[in-house]
Amino acid sequence: MFRFVCMVLLMVAAPPALAGWKEGDAAYRNKQFEEALKELLPLAEMGHDRAQYRVARILFGGMGGVKQNKPEGLKWLRRSADAGNVDAQYALGTLYAKGEGVNQDPVFAFMWFAISANKGFQDSIRARETMRKSMTRGQIDEGERLARNWQPKR
């Protein structure tokens, strides 16, 4: 009985969430970032990893009139990456590689690139291999160990 009630609740809740995504995605693509943030933030709060990634980009970059808030953007980027979003994982790796919004850390950069590279994300494959050229064997081993042990958080 409990499973049936949960399934019914999920079916009822899904259409509004989907509608919010469609509206938020359309606003984002049309560079209406204030409207996109309004639509996507509730979805991000519910754990929608693509919405979290979009919210992160809007806030971290201060896009289209939205006040830049790097710490809040980074929070949403981490949540999206932790949920398994390869775009967010690549972006987080890039931030660690550059030291933008976080302390520069080649091991964490390598780890995030490796996690998404292992899912076939081409940009991360290239970035991981580029990072490898400037890292010590110990740093590479640590980054690979962290990537192997990483588990998505839902």
Protein backbone atom coordinates (compact mmCIF):
# COMPACT_ATOMS: atom_id res chain seq x y z
CA MET A 1 0.00 0.00 0.00
CA PHE A 2 2.79 2.39 0.93
CA ARG A 3 4.48 1.87 -2.46
CA PHE A 4 1.20 2.55 -4.25
CA VAL A 5 0.69 5.83 -2.37
CA CYS A 6 4.28 6.87 -3.12
CA MET A 7 3.86 6.11 -6.82
CA VAL A 8 0.64 8.11 -7.00
CA LEU A 9 2.30 11.04 -5.24
CA LEU A 10 5.23 10.90 -7.66
CA MET A 11 2.90 10.87 -10.67
CA VAL A 12 0.98 13.84 -9.33
CA ALA A 13 4.13 15.79 -8.44
CA ALA A 14 6.01 15.10 -11.68
CA PRO A 15 4.01 17.27 -14.11
CA PRO A 16 4.55 20.56 -12.23
CA ALA A 17 8.25 19.79 -11.85
CA LEU A 18 8.50 19.01 -15.55
CA ALA A 19 6.63 22.19 -16.42
CA GLY A 20 9.02 24.19 -14.21
CA TRP A 21 11.96 22.63 -16.00
CA LYS A 22 10.55 23.37 -19.44
CA GLU A 23 9.82 26.98 -18.53
CA GLY A 24 13.15 27.46 -16.78
CA ASP A 25 15.07 25.81 -19.61
CA ALA A 26 13.31 27.97 -22.20
CA ALA A 27 14.04 31.13 -20.22
CA TYR A 28 17.68 30.09 -19.81
CA ARG A 29 18.08 29.39 -23.52
CA ASN A 30 16.50 32.77 -24.29
CA LYS A 31 18.95 34.46 -21.90
CA GLN A 32 16.13 35.52 -19.57
CA PHE A 33 18.20 34.56 -16.54
CA GLU A 34 16.08 36.21 -13.84
CA GLU A 35 13.02 34.25 -15.04
CA ALA A 36 15.10 31.08 -15.43
CA LEU A 37 16.35 31.40 -11.86
CA LYS A 38 12.80 31.85 -10.59
CA GLU A 39 11.67 28.66 -12.36
CA LEU A 40 14.76 26.55 -11.75
CA LEU A 41 15.57 27.32 -8.11
CA PRO A 42 12.60 25.34 -6.70
CA LEU A 43 13.63 22.36 -8.84
CA ALA A 44 17.22 22.70 -7.70
CA GLU A 45 16.04 22.67 -4.10
CA MET A 46 14.15 19.43 -4.83
CA GLY A 47 17.40 17.82 -6.09
CA HIS A 48 17.05 18.22 -9.88
CA ASP A 49 20.72 18.05 -10.95
CA ARG A 50 20.29 19.86 -14.28
CA ALA A 51 18.38 22.67 -12.56
CA GLN A 52 21.14 22.83 -9.93
CA TYR A 53 23.72 23.18 -12.69
CA ARG A 54 21.81 25.97 -14.43
CA VAL A 55 21.23 27.81 -11.13
CA ALA A 56 24.96 27.47 -10.40
CA ARG A 57 25.92 28.99 -13.73
CA ILE A 58 23.50 31.89 -13.35
CA LEU A 59 24.63 32.73 -9.82
CA PHE A 60 28.36 32.05 -10.21
CA GLY A 61 28.55 34.14 -13.36
CA GLY A 62 26.02 36.81 -12.43
CA MET A 63 24.25 36.29 -15.72
CA GLY A 64 21.74 38.67 -17.29
CA GLY A 65 21.16 41.07 -14.45
CA VAL A 66 21.20 38.43 -11.70
CA LYS A 67 23.59 39.54 -8.97
CA GLN A 68 26.75 37.46 -8.99
CA ASN A 69 27.02 35.20 -5.95
CA LYS A 70 30.01 32.88 -6.36
CA PRO A 71 29.64 31.09 -3.00
CA GLU A 72 25.96 30.30 -3.66
CA GLY A 73 26.72 29.32 -7.25
CA LEU A 74 29.51 27.05 -6.06
CA LYS A 75 27.11 25.42 -3.56
CA TRP A 76 24.70 24.52 -6.37
CA LEU A 77 27.52 23.39 -8.64
CA ARG A 78 28.79 21.02 -5.93
CA ARG A 79 25.31 19.62 -5.38
CA SER A 80 24.86 19.00 -9.09
CA ALA A 81 28.31 17.40 -9.41
CA ASP A 82 27.67 15.29 -6.31
CA ALA A 83 24.41 14.10 -7.88
CA GLY A 84 26.33 12.88 -10.94
CA ASN A 85 25.84 15.69 -13.47
CA VAL A 86 28.81 15.46 -15.86
CA ASP A 87 28.57 19.11 -16.93
CA ALA A 88 28.82 20.19 -13.30
CA GLN A 89 31.67 17.76 -12.66
CA TYR A 90 33.60 19.18 -15.61
CA ALA A 91 32.88 22.75 -14.47
CA LEU A 92 34.00 21.97 -10.92
CA GLY A 93 37.19 20.38 -12.25
CA THR A 94 37.82 23.52 -14.28
CA LEU A 95 37.35 25.75 -11.22
CA TYR A 96 39.82 23.66 -9.21
CA ALA A 97 42.30 23.67 -12.11
CA LYS A 98 42.14 27.48 -12.35
CA GLY A 99 41.62 28.26 -8.67
CA GLU A 100 38.48 30.24 -9.45
CA GLY A 101 36.10 30.45 -6.49
CA VAL A 102 38.04 27.65 -4.79
CA ASN A 103 41.66 27.07 -3.84
CA GLN A 104 43.57 25.81 -6.85
CA ASP A 105 44.01 22.06 -6.42
CA PRO A 106 45.22 19.85 -9.27
CA VAL A 107 44.25 16.65 -7.39
CA PHE A 108 40.61 17.72 -7.00
CA ALA A 109 40.56 19.05 -10.57
CA PHE A 110 41.89 15.70 -11.81
CA MET A 111 39.37 13.82 -9.65
CA TRP A 112 36.35 15.69 -11.06
CA PHE A 113 37.64 15.40 -14.62
CA ALA A 114 38.24 11.67 -14.10
CA ILE A 115 34.76 11.09 -12.68
CA SER A 116 33.03 12.61 -15.70
CA ALA A 117 35.64 11.24 -18.13
CA ASN A 118 34.79 7.75 -16.87
CA LYS A 119 31.25 8.42 -18.10
CA GLY A 120 32.58 9.28 -21.56
CA PHE A 121 32.39 13.08 -21.26
CA GLN A 122 34.83 14.15 -23.98
CA ASP A 123 35.78 17.57 -22.57
CA SER A 124 36.71 15.90 -19.29
CA ILE A 125 38.73 13.22 -21.04
CA ARG A 126 40.82 15.93 -22.73
CA ALA A 127 41.10 18.01 -19.53
CA ARG A 128 42.15 14.98 -17.46
CA GLU A 129 44.88 14.12 -19.94
CA THR A 130 46.09 17.74 -20.03
CA MET A 131 46.18 17.84 -16.21
CA ARG A 132 48.10 14.54 -16.12
CA LYS A 133 51.03 16.18 -17.99
CA SER A 134 51.66 18.72 -15.23
CA MET A 135 51.07 16.51 -12.17
CA THR A 136 53.36 14.29 -10.13
CA ARG A 137 52.77 10.53 -10.04
CA GLY A 138 51.59 10.90 -6.42
CA GLN A 139 49.03 13.58 -7.35
CA ILE A 140 47.71 11.46 -10.21
CA ASP A 141 47.45 8.40 -7.97
CA GLU A 142 45.55 10.41 -5.34
CA GLY A 143 43.19 11.91 -7.94
CA GLU A 144 42.51 8.46 -9.40
CA ARG A 145 41.91 7.01 -5.92
CA LEU A 146 39.45 9.80 -5.08
CA ALA A 147 37.65 9.29 -8.40
CA ARG A 148 37.40 5.51 -7.85
CA ASN A 149 35.97 5.97 -4.38
CA TRP A 150 33.51 8.72 -5.32
CA GLN A 151 29.82 7.85 -5.06
CA PRO A 152 26.92 10.05 -6.22
CA LYS A 153 24.79 11.65 -3.51
CA ARG A 154 21.07 11.73 -4.06
